[in-house]
Amino acid sequence: MNEKHFAVLSLGSNLGDREGNLRSAVRRLMESGHATDLRCASLYETEPVGYDDQPYFLNTCVSFYTDLSPHDLLDLIHGIENDLLRVRTIKNGPRTVDLDILLYDDLHMADETLIIPHPRMYERAFVLYPLKELIGTDVKIPDDKSVVKTGPFEV
């Protein structure tokens, strides 16, 4: 039996059917066979960060157990982004879906393709509000951008 690892992802979308895009991403994650005991935080509508001339985002976080290594999980979520037509033309620009690995067990790592924990997660209210729902983190949440809870997120 493969070892299971606790992982947390941040998800965001600001193009097309935002909530539908997030649902599709989570469904694909579950259908991969590499995510069990998945829990979803509420949805939050948030102002864009980094590049302001774009629509507001819907954001959430999910936690689950996986048998994948961190890099294999990264490959899986990049495949999901590609399947959902994510285009990377403007840094921090509009996107159908964005998935980031926030946490993987208590691992601390950094290489040319992946940094865990996510290096900017503690600077982003749109990550910290849903993360707090899932794991009860007790960190100061910045208030520089509007973050409004819109309701539960169910797949």
C-alpha atoms as a PDB file:
ATOM      1  CA  MET A   1       0.000   0.000   0.000  1.00  0.00           C
ATOM      2  CA  ASN A   2       1.295   3.449  -0.927  1.00  0.00           C
ATOM      3  CA  GLU A   3       1.993   5.985   1.788  1.00  0.00           C
ATOM      4  CA  LYS A   4      -0.604   8.768   2.024  1.00  0.00           C
ATOM      5  CA  HIS A   5       0.399  12.400   2.349  1.00  0.00           C
ATOM      6  CA  PHE A   6      -1.745  15.331   3.468  1.00  0.00           C
ATOM      7  CA  ALA A   7      -1.920  18.059   0.827  1.00  0.00           C
ATOM      8  CA  VAL A   8      -3.680  21.412   0.533  1.00  0.00           C
ATOM      9  CA  LEU A   9      -4.299  23.226  -2.741  1.00  0.00           C
ATOM     10  CA  SER A  10      -5.476  26.740  -3.463  1.00  0.00           C
ATOM     11  CA  LEU A  11      -7.871  27.107  -6.408  1.00  0.00           C
ATOM     12  CA  GLY A  12      -8.938  30.226  -8.242  1.00  0.00           C
ATOM     13  CA  SER A  13     -10.838  31.210 -11.393  1.00  0.00           C
ATOM     14  CA  ASN A  14     -11.839  34.509 -12.974  1.00  0.00           C
ATOM     15  CA  LEU A  15     -12.789  33.600 -16.550  1.00  0.00           C
ATOM     16  CA  GLY A  16     -15.971  31.986 -17.816  1.00  0.00           C
ATOM     17  CA  ASP A  17     -18.068  29.964 -15.369  1.00  0.00           C
ATOM     18  CA  ARG A  18     -15.803  30.529 -12.379  1.00  0.00           C
ATOM     19  CA  GLU A  19     -17.592  28.183  -9.992  1.00  0.00           C
ATOM     20  CA  GLY A  20     -17.997  25.578 -12.722  1.00  0.00           C
ATOM     21  CA  ASN A  21     -14.279  25.779 -13.485  1.00  0.00           C
ATOM     22  CA  LEU A  22     -13.438  25.166  -9.816  1.00  0.00           C
ATOM     23  CA  ARG A  23     -15.886  22.255  -9.632  1.00  0.00           C
ATOM     24  CA  SER A  24     -14.393  20.720 -12.779  1.00  0.00           C
ATOM     25  CA  ALA A  25     -10.879  21.026 -11.369  1.00  0.00           C
ATOM     26  CA  VAL A  26     -11.857  19.329  -8.099  1.00  0.00           C
ATOM     27  CA  ARG A  27     -13.773  16.582  -9.936  1.00  0.00           C
ATOM     28  CA  ARG A  28     -10.732  15.872 -12.108  1.00  0.00           C
ATOM     29  CA  LEU A  29      -8.560  15.746  -8.999  1.00  0.00           C
ATOM     30  CA  MET A  30     -10.928  13.207  -7.397  1.00  0.00           C
ATOM     31  CA  GLU A  31     -11.267  11.202 -10.624  1.00  0.00           C
ATOM     32  CA  SER A  32      -7.477  10.907 -10.871  1.00  0.00           C
ATOM     33  CA  GLY A  33      -7.556   8.312  -8.104  1.00  0.00           C
ATOM     34  CA  HIS A  34      -4.837  10.210  -6.242  1.00  0.00           C
ATOM     35  CA  ALA A  35      -6.987  12.268  -3.830  1.00  0.00           C
ATOM     36  CA  THR A  36      -8.956  10.731  -0.968  1.00  0.00           C
ATOM     37  CA  ASP A  37     -10.863  12.204   1.974  1.00  0.00           C
ATOM     38  CA  LEU A  38     -11.179  15.489   0.089  1.00  0.00           C
ATOM     39  CA  ARG A  39     -12.588  18.508   1.965  1.00  0.00           C
ATOM     40  CA  CYS A  40     -13.553  21.846   0.404  1.00  0.00           C
ATOM     41  CA  ALA A  41     -13.550  25.269   2.034  1.00  0.00           C
ATOM     42  CA  SER A  42     -16.186  27.888   1.193  1.00  0.00           C
ATOM     43  CA  LEU A  43     -15.992  30.045  -1.908  1.00  0.00           C
ATOM     44  CA  TYR A  44     -14.627  33.576  -1.636  1.00  0.00           C
ATOM     45  CA  GLU A  45     -14.915  36.320  -4.239  1.00  0.00           C
ATOM     46  CA  THR A  46     -11.724  38.333  -4.285  1.00  0.00           C
ATOM     47  CA  GLU A  47     -10.099  41.278  -5.968  1.00  0.00           C
ATOM     48  CA  PRO A  48      -7.246  40.348  -8.309  1.00  0.00           C
ATOM     49  CA  VAL A  49      -3.712  40.523  -6.929  1.00  0.00           C
ATOM     50  CA  GLY A  50      -0.677  41.597  -8.939  1.00  0.00           C
ATOM     51  CA  TYR A  51      -2.503  42.574 -12.131  1.00  0.00           C
ATOM     52  CA  ASP A  52      -5.610  44.623 -11.352  1.00  0.00           C
ATOM     53  CA  ASP A  53      -7.154  45.058 -14.826  1.00  0.00           C
ATOM     54  CA  GLN A  54      -9.133  41.810 -14.806  1.00  0.00           C
ATOM     55  CA  PRO A  55     -12.355  40.318 -13.359  1.00  0.00           C
ATOM     56  CA  TYR A  56     -12.709  39.320  -9.705  1.00  0.00           C
ATOM     57  CA  PHE A  57     -11.758  35.757  -8.766  1.00  0.00           C
ATOM     58  CA  LEU A  58     -13.588  32.976  -7.007  1.00  0.00           C
ATOM     59  CA  ASN A  59     -11.161  31.214  -4.680  1.00  0.00           C
ATOM     60  CA  THR A  60     -11.207  28.236  -2.360  1.00  0.00           C
ATOM     61  CA  CYS A  61      -8.892  25.628  -0.874  1.00  0.00           C
ATOM     62  CA  VAL A  62      -9.152  21.852  -0.756  1.00  0.00           C
ATOM     63  CA  SER A  63      -7.384  19.377   1.480  1.00  0.00           C
ATOM     64  CA  PHE A  64      -6.964  15.663   0.787  1.00  0.00           C
ATOM     65  CA  TYR A  65      -4.652  12.698   1.131  1.00  0.00           C
ATOM     66  CA  THR A  66      -2.553  11.634  -1.824  1.00  0.00           C
ATOM     67  CA  ASP A  67      -0.154   8.866  -2.747  1.00  0.00           C
ATOM     68  CA  LEU A  68       1.678  11.170  -5.167  1.00  0.00           C
ATOM     69  CA  SER A  69       5.046  12.788  -4.564  1.00  0.00           C
ATOM     70  CA  PRO A  70       5.060  16.599  -4.539  1.00  0.00           C
ATOM     71  CA  HIS A  71       6.358  16.771  -8.130  1.00  0.00           C
ATOM     72  CA  ASP A  72       3.871  14.178  -9.368  1.00  0.00           C
ATOM     73  CA  LEU A  73       1.078  16.164  -7.692  1.00  0.00           C
ATOM     74  CA  LEU A  74       2.359  19.299  -9.446  1.00  0.00           C
ATOM     75  CA  ASP A  75       2.268  17.434 -12.776  1.00  0.00           C
ATOM     76  CA  LEU A  76      -1.302  16.318 -12.045  1.00  0.00           C
ATOM     77  CA  ILE A  77      -2.559  19.834 -11.258  1.00  0.00           C
ATOM     78  CA  HIS A  78      -0.758  21.301 -14.292  1.00  0.00           C
ATOM     79  CA  GLY A  79      -2.547  18.691 -16.411  1.00  0.00           C
ATOM     80  CA  ILE A  80      -5.871  19.726 -14.869  1.00  0.00           C
ATOM     81  CA  GLU A  81      -5.119  23.392 -15.606  1.00  0.00           C
ATOM     82  CA  ASN A  82      -4.259  22.507 -19.216  1.00  0.00           C
ATOM     83  CA  ASP A  83      -7.423  20.412 -19.598  1.00  0.00           C
ATOM     84  CA  LEU A  84      -9.452  23.402 -18.393  1.00  0.00           C
ATOM     85  CA  LEU A  85      -7.735  25.672 -20.946  1.00  0.00           C
ATOM     86  CA  ARG A  86      -5.501  27.686 -18.634  1.00  0.00           C
ATOM     87  CA  VAL A  87      -3.405  30.069 -20.713  1.00  0.00           C
ATOM     88  CA  ARG A  88      -0.319  31.737 -19.239  1.00  0.00           C
ATOM     89  CA  THR A  89       0.128  35.009 -21.146  1.00  0.00           C
ATOM     90  CA  ILE A  90       0.164  37.711 -18.427  1.00  0.00           C
ATOM     91  CA  LYS A  91       1.849  37.096 -15.064  1.00  0.00           C
ATOM     92  CA  ASN A  92      -0.963  37.013 -12.452  1.00  0.00           C
ATOM     93  CA  GLY A  93      -3.391  37.623 -15.298  1.00  0.00           C
ATOM     94  CA  PRO A  94      -6.861  36.262 -16.013  1.00  0.00           C
ATOM     95  CA  ARG A  95      -7.270  32.488 -16.025  1.00  0.00           C
ATOM     96  CA  THR A  96      -9.917  29.819 -16.264  1.00  0.00           C
ATOM     97  CA  VAL A  97      -8.356  28.008 -13.342  1.00  0.00           C
ATOM     98  CA  ASP A  98      -5.272  28.261 -11.157  1.00  0.00           C
ATOM     99  CA  LEU A  99      -4.187  25.478  -8.802  1.00  0.00           C
ATOM    100  CA  ASP A 100      -1.282  25.849  -6.382  1.00  0.00           C
ATOM    101  CA  ILE A 101       0.153  23.431  -3.851  1.00  0.00           C
ATOM    102  CA  LEU A 102       0.125  25.228  -0.508  1.00  0.00           C
ATOM    103  CA  LEU A 103       1.099  22.448   1.884  1.00  0.00           C
ATOM    104  CA  TYR A 104       2.301  18.848   1.647  1.00  0.00           C
ATOM    105  CA  ASP A 105       2.580  17.151   5.046  1.00  0.00           C
ATOM    106  CA  ASP A 106       5.073  19.272   6.997  1.00  0.00           C
ATOM    107  CA  LEU A 107       7.491  19.341   4.082  1.00  0.00           C
ATOM    108  CA  HIS A 108       9.723  22.338   3.430  1.00  0.00           C
ATOM    109  CA  MET A 109      11.363  22.199   0.015  1.00  0.00           C
ATOM    110  CA  ALA A 110      12.506  24.477  -2.762  1.00  0.00           C
ATOM    111  CA  ASP A 111      13.807  23.654  -6.205  1.00  0.00           C
ATOM    112  CA  GLU A 112      13.534  25.165  -9.675  1.00  0.00           C
ATOM    113  CA  THR A 113       9.930  23.974 -10.189  1.00  0.00           C
ATOM    114  CA  LEU A 114       8.313  23.817  -6.748  1.00  0.00           C
ATOM    115  CA  ILE A 115       8.423  25.559  -3.374  1.00  0.00           C
ATOM    116  CA  ILE A 116       6.491  24.103  -0.409  1.00  0.00           C
ATOM    117  CA  PRO A 117       4.967  25.678   1.616  1.00  0.00           C
ATOM    118  CA  HIS A 118       3.807  28.087  -1.081  1.00  0.00           C
ATOM    119  CA  PRO A 119       6.103  31.117  -0.681  1.00  0.00           C
ATOM    120  CA  ARG A 120       3.387  33.825  -0.810  1.00  0.00           C
ATOM    121  CA  MET A 121       0.445  32.083   0.843  1.00  0.00           C
ATOM    122  CA  TYR A 122       0.738  34.073   4.074  1.00  0.00           C
ATOM    123  CA  GLU A 123       0.552  37.343   2.090  1.00  0.00           C
ATOM    124  CA  ARG A 124      -2.741  36.471   0.386  1.00  0.00           C
ATOM    125  CA  ALA A 125      -6.077  36.849   2.124  1.00  0.00           C
ATOM    126  CA  PHE A 126      -7.785  34.890  -0.671  1.00  0.00           C
ATOM    127  CA  VAL A 127      -5.684  31.885   0.394  1.00  0.00           C
ATOM    128  CA  LEU A 128      -5.756  32.390   4.148  1.00  0.00           C
ATOM    129  CA  TYR A 129      -9.524  32.651   4.632  1.00  0.00           C
ATOM    130  CA  PRO A 130     -10.329  29.272   3.049  1.00  0.00           C
ATOM    131  CA  LEU A 131      -7.152  27.719   4.474  1.00  0.00           C
ATOM    132  CA  LYS A 132      -8.247  28.752   7.952  1.00  0.00           C
ATOM    133  CA  GLU A 133     -11.548  26.895   7.398  1.00  0.00           C
ATOM    134  CA  LEU A 134      -9.718  23.691   6.531  1.00  0.00           C
ATOM    135  CA  ILE A 135      -6.834  23.576   8.973  1.00  0.00           C
ATOM    136  CA  GLY A 136      -7.577  26.274  11.545  1.00  0.00           C
ATOM    137  CA  THR A 137      -4.411  28.240  10.909  1.00  0.00           C
ATOM    138  CA  ASP A 138      -4.068  31.146  13.314  1.00  0.00           C
ATOM    139  CA  VAL A 139      -2.221  33.714  11.223  1.00  0.00           C
ATOM    140  CA  LYS A 140      -2.856  37.398  10.642  1.00  0.00           C
ATOM    141  CA  ILE A 141      -4.844  37.795   7.442  1.00  0.00           C
ATOM    142  CA  PRO A 142      -3.897  40.861   5.375  1.00  0.00           C
ATOM    143  CA  ASP A 143      -6.760  43.226   4.520  1.00  0.00           C
ATOM    144  CA  ASP A 144      -5.319  44.976   1.472  1.00  0.00           C
ATOM    145  CA  LYS A 145      -7.814  43.428  -0.978  1.00  0.00           C
ATOM    146  CA  SER A 146     -11.534  42.715  -0.763  1.00  0.00           C
ATOM    147  CA  VAL A 147     -12.361  39.094   0.125  1.00  0.00           C
ATOM    148  CA  VAL A 148     -16.047  38.216   0.491  1.00  0.00           C
ATOM    149  CA  LYS A 149     -17.339  34.778   1.450  1.00  0.00           C
ATOM    150  CA  THR A 150     -19.999  33.837  -1.104  1.00  0.00           C
ATOM    151  CA  GLY A 151     -21.125  30.531   0.359  1.00  0.00           C
ATOM    152  CA  PRO A 152     -20.325  26.842   0.588  1.00  0.00           C
ATOM    153  CA  PHE A 153     -18.482  24.987  -2.159  1.00  0.00           C
ATOM    154  CA  GLU A 154     -19.636  21.491  -2.930  1.00  0.00           C
ATOM    155  CA  VAL A 155     -18.566  19.303  -5.802  1.00  0.00           C
END
